[in-house]
Amino acid sequence: MLPKDGETKQIYELEAAGIYQVFNDKGGLVLDSIGEFIDMTGFDKGVYFIKFEGETFRFEKTLDKPNPKKSEFPKKLIYDPAKD
């Protein structure tokens, strides 16, 4: 799930791996999945509700979807874990 050079990911981390659902501000189901991380990169800006282990959490996505034609970040690798 690591981003490619010049790519930005918008990830929401849950407390642990499990079944979760993501709903938009109108109550529509956007995502139903299993895991510990929710990749919200492709979601529109707005308010979302994450249902996880019987609780509901509010999340506000304030960043736009990435524009693949316009990179806002450098395209070179800043951190290379292989060099540690």
N, C-alpha and C. Protein backbone atom coordinates (compact mmCIF):
# COMPACT_ATOMS: atom_id res chain seq x y z
N MET A 1 0.81 -1.18 0.00
CA MET A 1 0.00 0.00 0.00
C MET A 1 0.86 1.26 0.00
N LEU A 2 2.14 1.12 -0.10
CA LEU A 2 3.01 2.29 -0.17
C LEU A 2 2.80 3.03 -1.48
N PRO A 3 2.84 4.36 -1.45
CA PRO A 3 2.66 5.12 -2.70
C PRO A 3 3.87 4.99 -3.61
N LYS A 4 3.62 5.16 -4.90
CA LYS A 4 4.69 5.21 -5.89
C LYS A 4 5.33 6.59 -5.81
N ASP A 5 6.48 6.78 -6.43
CA ASP A 5 7.12 8.09 -6.46
C ASP A 5 6.15 9.13 -6.98
N GLY A 6 6.02 10.25 -6.28
CA GLY A 6 5.16 11.34 -6.71
C GLY A 6 3.69 11.12 -6.42
N GLU A 7 3.34 10.01 -5.79
CA GLU A 7 1.94 9.69 -5.51
C GLU A 7 1.65 9.94 -4.03
N THR A 8 0.47 10.46 -3.73
CA THR A 8 0.06 10.70 -2.36
C THR A 8 -1.10 9.78 -2.03
N LYS A 9 -1.04 9.15 -0.87
CA LYS A 9 -2.12 8.29 -0.39
C LYS A 9 -2.75 8.96 0.82
N GLN A 10 -4.06 8.81 0.97
CA GLN A 10 -4.78 9.34 2.12
C GLN A 10 -5.38 8.14 2.85
N ILE A 11 -4.73 7.76 3.95
CA ILE A 11 -5.04 6.53 4.65
C ILE A 11 -5.60 6.84 6.04
N TYR A 12 -6.66 6.13 6.41
CA TYR A 12 -7.22 6.20 7.76
C TYR A 12 -6.88 4.88 8.43
N GLU A 13 -6.24 4.93 9.61
CA GLU A 13 -5.84 3.72 10.31
C GLU A 13 -6.80 3.42 11.44
N LEU A 14 -7.32 2.19 11.45
CA LEU A 14 -8.20 1.74 12.52
C LEU A 14 -7.37 1.24 13.69
N GLU A 15 -8.02 0.99 14.84
CA GLU A 15 -7.31 0.52 16.03
C GLU A 15 -6.75 -0.88 15.84
N ALA A 16 -7.40 -1.69 15.02
CA ALA A 16 -6.98 -3.07 14.75
C ALA A 16 -7.63 -3.51 13.46
N ALA A 17 -7.19 -4.64 12.93
CA ALA A 17 -7.82 -5.18 11.72
C ALA A 17 -9.22 -5.70 12.08
N GLY A 18 -10.15 -5.53 11.16
CA GLY A 18 -11.51 -6.01 11.37
C GLY A 18 -12.41 -5.62 10.22
N ILE A 19 -13.67 -5.95 10.36
CA ILE A 19 -14.68 -5.60 9.35
C ILE A 19 -15.13 -4.16 9.60
N TYR A 20 -15.20 -3.38 8.54
CA TYR A 20 -15.64 -1.99 8.67
C TYR A 20 -16.49 -1.59 7.48
N GLN A 21 -17.29 -0.55 7.68
CA GLN A 21 -18.08 0.05 6.62
C GLN A 21 -17.83 1.56 6.65
N VAL A 22 -17.83 2.17 5.48
CA VAL A 22 -17.69 3.62 5.36
C VAL A 22 -18.95 4.15 4.69
N PHE A 23 -19.56 5.16 5.31
CA PHE A 23 -20.78 5.78 4.81
C PHE A 23 -20.51 7.25 4.51
N ASN A 24 -21.19 7.79 3.49
CA ASN A 24 -21.06 9.22 3.21
C ASN A 24 -21.99 10.00 4.12
N ASP A 25 -22.01 11.32 3.98
CA ASP A 25 -22.82 12.18 4.86
C ASP A 25 -24.32 12.02 4.65
N LYS A 26 -24.72 11.34 3.58
CA LYS A 26 -26.14 11.10 3.33
C LYS A 26 -26.56 9.69 3.81
N GLY A 27 -25.60 8.95 4.38
CA GLY A 27 -25.90 7.61 4.89
C GLY A 27 -25.71 6.50 3.89
N GLY A 28 -25.23 6.84 2.69
CA GLY A 28 -24.99 5.83 1.66
C GLY A 28 -23.71 5.05 1.91
N LEU A 29 -23.78 3.74 1.74
CA LEU A 29 -22.60 2.88 1.92
C LEU A 29 -21.61 3.14 0.79
N VAL A 30 -20.38 3.50 1.14
CA VAL A 30 -19.34 3.80 0.17
C VAL A 30 -18.36 2.64 0.06
N LEU A 31 -18.09 1.97 1.19
CA LEU A 31 -17.12 0.89 1.21
C LEU A 31 -17.45 -0.09 2.32
N ASP A 32 -17.35 -1.38 2.03
CA ASP A 32 -17.58 -2.45 3.00
C ASP A 32 -16.41 -3.40 2.84
N SER A 33 -15.54 -3.49 3.86
CA SER A 33 -14.31 -4.24 3.68
C SER A 33 -13.78 -4.78 5.00
N ILE A 34 -12.63 -5.44 4.91
CA ILE A 34 -11.93 -5.98 6.08
C ILE A 34 -10.49 -5.47 6.03
N GLY A 35 -9.96 -5.03 7.17
CA GLY A 35 -8.57 -4.60 7.22
C GLY A 35 -8.33 -3.67 8.38
N GLU A 36 -7.13 -3.09 8.42
CA GLU A 36 -6.76 -2.15 9.46
C GLU A 36 -6.58 -0.74 8.90
N PHE A 37 -6.46 -0.65 7.58
CA PHE A 37 -6.23 0.64 6.92
C PHE A 37 -7.31 0.86 5.86
N ILE A 38 -7.81 2.10 5.80
CA ILE A 38 -8.80 2.47 4.80
C ILE A 38 -8.15 3.48 3.86
N ASP A 39 -8.01 3.11 2.60
CA ASP A 39 -7.44 4.02 1.60
C ASP A 39 -8.55 4.93 1.09
N MET A 40 -8.52 6.19 1.53
CA MET A 40 -9.56 7.15 1.16
C MET A 40 -9.09 8.08 0.05
N THR A 41 -8.02 7.70 -0.63
CA THR A 41 -7.43 8.53 -1.68
C THR A 41 -8.45 8.90 -2.76
N GLY A 42 -9.25 7.95 -3.20
CA GLY A 42 -10.19 8.19 -4.29
C GLY A 42 -11.53 8.77 -3.86
N PHE A 43 -11.71 9.02 -2.57
CA PHE A 43 -12.97 9.57 -2.08
C PHE A 43 -13.02 11.07 -2.32
N ASP A 44 -14.21 11.60 -2.54
CA ASP A 44 -14.40 13.05 -2.66
C ASP A 44 -14.21 13.71 -1.29
N LYS A 45 -13.95 15.02 -1.29
CA LYS A 45 -13.90 15.77 -0.04
C LYS A 45 -15.26 15.65 0.64
N GLY A 46 -15.25 15.68 1.97
CA GLY A 46 -16.52 15.65 2.69
C GLY A 46 -16.44 14.88 3.99
N VAL A 47 -17.61 14.69 4.59
CA VAL A 47 -17.71 14.00 5.87
C VAL A 47 -18.09 12.54 5.61
N TYR A 48 -17.42 11.64 6.30
CA TYR A 48 -17.68 10.21 6.20
C TYR A 48 -17.82 9.64 7.61
N PHE A 49 -18.55 8.54 7.70
CA PHE A 49 -18.72 7.85 8.96
C PHE A 49 -18.21 6.43 8.79
N ILE A 50 -17.32 6.04 9.71
CA ILE A 50 -16.71 4.72 9.67
C ILE A 50 -17.30 3.89 10.80
N LYS A 51 -17.96 2.79 10.45
CA LYS A 51 -18.53 1.90 11.44
C LYS A 51 -17.57 0.74 11.64
N PHE A 52 -17.10 0.58 12.89
CA PHE A 52 -16.09 -0.43 13.19
C PHE A 52 -16.33 -0.95 14.60
N GLU A 53 -16.48 -2.26 14.72
CA GLU A 53 -16.68 -2.93 16.01
C GLU A 53 -17.80 -2.30 16.83
N GLY A 54 -18.93 -2.04 16.19
CA GLY A 54 -20.11 -1.53 16.88
C GLY A 54 -20.09 -0.05 17.18
N GLU A 55 -19.02 0.65 16.84
CA GLU A 55 -18.93 2.08 17.07
C GLU A 55 -18.88 2.81 15.73
N THR A 56 -19.29 4.07 15.73
CA THR A 56 -19.24 4.89 14.53
C THR A 56 -18.35 6.09 14.79
N PHE A 57 -17.41 6.31 13.86
CA PHE A 57 -16.47 7.42 13.97
C PHE A 57 -16.70 8.38 12.81
N ARG A 58 -16.63 9.67 13.09
CA ARG A 58 -16.77 10.69 12.06
C ARG A 58 -15.39 11.03 11.53
N PHE A 59 -15.29 11.16 10.21
CA PHE A 59 -14.03 11.51 9.56
C PHE A 59 -14.31 12.55 8.50
N GLU A 60 -13.55 13.64 8.50
CA GLU A 60 -13.72 14.67 7.47
C GLU A 60 -12.51 14.64 6.55
N LYS A 61 -12.77 14.36 5.29
CA LYS A 61 -11.70 14.35 4.29
C LYS A 61 -11.63 15.76 3.70
N THR A 62 -10.49 16.40 3.86
CA THR A 62 -10.35 17.79 3.42
C THR A 62 -9.50 17.93 2.17
N LEU A 63 -8.82 16.87 1.77
CA LEU A 63 -7.99 16.93 0.56
C LEU A 63 -8.77 16.44 -0.65
N ASP A 64 -8.53 17.06 -1.79
CA ASP A 64 -9.13 16.61 -3.04
C ASP A 64 -8.56 15.26 -3.44
N LYS A 65 -9.24 14.62 -4.38
CA LYS A 65 -8.67 13.43 -5.01
C LYS A 65 -7.40 13.86 -5.71
N PRO A 66 -6.38 13.03 -5.70
CA PRO A 66 -5.15 13.41 -6.43
C PRO A 66 -5.40 13.53 -7.93
N ASN A 67 -4.75 14.49 -8.53
CA ASN A 67 -4.84 14.67 -9.97
C ASN A 67 -3.59 14.02 -10.59
N PRO A 68 -3.76 12.91 -11.30
CA PRO A 68 -2.58 12.22 -11.83
C PRO A 68 -1.78 13.04 -12.83
N LYS A 69 -2.38 14.08 -13.40
CA LYS A 69 -1.67 14.91 -14.37
C LYS A 69 -0.88 16.04 -13.71
N LYS A 70 -1.20 16.33 -12.43
CA LYS A 70 -0.54 17.44 -11.74
C LYS A 70 -0.01 16.94 -10.41
N SER A 71 1.28 16.77 -10.32
CA SER A 71 1.90 16.30 -9.09
C SER A 71 2.27 17.49 -8.21
N GLU A 72 1.84 17.45 -6.94
CA GLU A 72 2.18 18.51 -6.01
C GLU A 72 3.41 18.15 -5.18
N PHE A 73 3.94 16.97 -5.36
CA PHE A 73 5.06 16.50 -4.58
C PHE A 73 6.21 16.12 -5.50
N PRO A 74 7.43 16.14 -4.97
CA PRO A 74 8.56 15.77 -5.81
C PRO A 74 8.46 14.32 -6.26
N LYS A 75 8.97 14.03 -7.42
CA LYS A 75 8.89 12.69 -7.97
C LYS A 75 10.05 11.80 -7.56
N LYS A 76 10.99 12.34 -6.79
CA LYS A 76 12.11 11.49 -6.36
C LYS A 76 11.79 10.91 -4.98
N LEU A 77 12.36 9.77 -4.70
CA LEU A 77 12.16 9.08 -3.44
C LEU A 77 12.94 9.80 -2.35
N ILE A 78 12.25 10.26 -1.32
CA ILE A 78 12.90 10.99 -0.23
C ILE A 78 13.44 10.02 0.81
N TYR A 79 12.70 8.95 1.09
CA TYR A 79 13.11 7.98 2.09
C TYR A 79 13.13 6.61 1.46
N ASP A 80 14.24 5.93 1.56
CA ASP A 80 14.37 4.58 1.00
C ASP A 80 14.63 3.62 2.15
N PRO A 81 13.62 2.81 2.57
CA PRO A 81 13.80 1.90 3.69
C PRO A 81 14.88 0.85 3.44
N ALA A 82 15.23 0.60 2.19
CA ALA A 82 16.26 -0.40 1.87
C ALA A 82 17.64 0.10 2.30
N LYS A 83 17.79 1.40 2.50
CA LYS A 83 19.10 1.95 2.87
C LYS A 83 19.31 1.98 4.38
N ASP A 84 18.32 1.60 5.18
CA ASP A 84 18.47 1.56 6.64
C ASP A 84 19.20 0.31 7.09
